[in-house]
Amino acid sequence: MAVPLDDARKDRLIQGLQGLFRQDFDEELSTFRAEQILDHFLDVLAPQAYNQGVQDARGFMLRKLDDLDGEVHEAEQI
């Protein structure tokens, strides 16, 4: 599953990876290497995160639908 990212978002993510490697690993990460790592993460992790998000949303909606019966009130008689 390809995850489309606009250029600005991709640049921010690449800069974030470069900052992580610089701060936590004391290693300079080239833009090319950071982009390769980002692409790998998107290929491997994005589908899993997407599927989990869909399942979480589905569960939330089902719980809300189950509660719908408790939220229905009788109409007032006029």
Protein backbone atom coordinates (compact mmCIF):
# COMPACT_ATOMS: atom_id res chain seq x y z
CA MET A 1 0.00 0.00 0.00
CA ALA A 2 1.58 3.24 -1.12
CA VAL A 3 1.12 6.14 1.27
CA PRO A 4 1.09 9.43 -0.61
CA LEU A 5 2.81 12.26 1.23
CA ASP A 6 2.97 15.82 0.06
CA ASP A 7 6.46 17.26 -0.28
CA ALA A 8 6.25 19.44 2.83
CA ARG A 9 5.17 16.55 5.06
CA LYS A 10 7.81 14.23 3.62
CA ASP A 11 10.49 16.88 4.20
CA ARG A 12 9.40 17.30 7.84
CA LEU A 13 9.50 13.53 8.40
CA ILE A 14 12.95 13.27 6.83
CA GLN A 15 14.21 16.13 9.00
CA GLY A 16 12.70 14.41 12.03
CA LEU A 17 14.55 11.19 11.22
CA GLN A 18 17.78 13.10 10.73
CA GLY A 19 17.27 14.83 14.08
CA LEU A 20 16.56 11.52 15.81
CA PHE A 21 19.72 9.93 14.46
CA ARG A 22 21.79 13.01 15.32
CA GLN A 23 20.45 13.28 18.87
CA ASP A 24 20.02 9.65 19.90
CA PHE A 25 22.69 7.88 17.86
CA ASP A 26 25.24 10.68 17.32
CA GLU A 27 25.12 9.91 13.60
CA GLU A 28 24.56 12.21 10.65
CA LEU A 29 21.95 10.76 8.33
CA SER A 30 21.96 11.92 4.73
CA THR A 31 18.71 12.99 3.13
CA PHE A 32 18.95 9.97 0.82
CA ARG A 33 19.33 7.52 3.71
CA ALA A 34 16.58 9.20 5.72
CA GLU A 35 14.26 8.98 2.71
CA GLN A 36 15.06 5.29 2.28
CA ILE A 37 14.29 4.62 5.96
CA LEU A 38 11.06 6.61 5.72
CA ASP A 39 9.99 4.70 2.61
CA HIS A 40 10.71 1.40 4.35
CA PHE A 41 8.69 2.42 7.43
CA LEU A 42 5.80 3.52 5.23
CA ASP A 43 5.87 0.22 3.33
CA VAL A 44 6.05 -1.92 6.47
CA LEU A 45 4.23 0.02 9.18
CA ALA A 46 1.66 2.16 7.38
CA PRO A 47 -0.62 -0.71 6.27
CA GLN A 48 -0.59 -2.16 9.79
CA ALA A 49 -1.37 1.21 11.38
CA TYR A 50 -4.09 1.90 8.81
CA ASN A 51 -5.76 -1.47 9.37
CA GLN A 52 -5.62 -0.98 13.15
CA GLY A 53 -7.18 2.47 12.78
CA VAL A 54 -9.99 1.07 10.65
CA GLN A 55 -10.66 -1.68 13.20
CA ASP A 56 -10.61 0.83 16.08
CA ALA A 57 -13.05 3.12 14.24
CA ARG A 58 -15.30 0.16 13.42
CA GLY A 59 -15.35 -0.93 17.07
CA PHE A 60 -16.12 2.61 18.19
CA MET A 61 -19.00 2.92 15.74
CA LEU A 62 -20.42 -0.49 16.73
CA ARG A 63 -20.33 0.49 20.42
CA LYS A 64 -22.13 3.74 19.59
CA LEU A 65 -24.77 1.84 17.60
CA ASP A 66 -25.26 -0.57 20.50
CA ASP A 67 -25.84 2.40 22.81
CA LEU A 68 -28.40 3.89 20.43
CA ASP A 69 -31.25 1.86 21.95
CA GLY A 70 -30.53 3.40 25.35
CA GLU A 71 -30.57 6.89 23.87
CA VAL A 72 -34.01 6.63 22.25
CA HIS A 73 -36.74 8.34 24.30
CA GLU A 74 -40.49 8.15 23.98
CA ALA A 75 -42.11 11.14 22.38
CA GLU A 76 -44.02 13.43 24.71
CA GLN A 77 -47.77 13.36 24.32
CA ILE A 78 -49.33 16.68 23.49
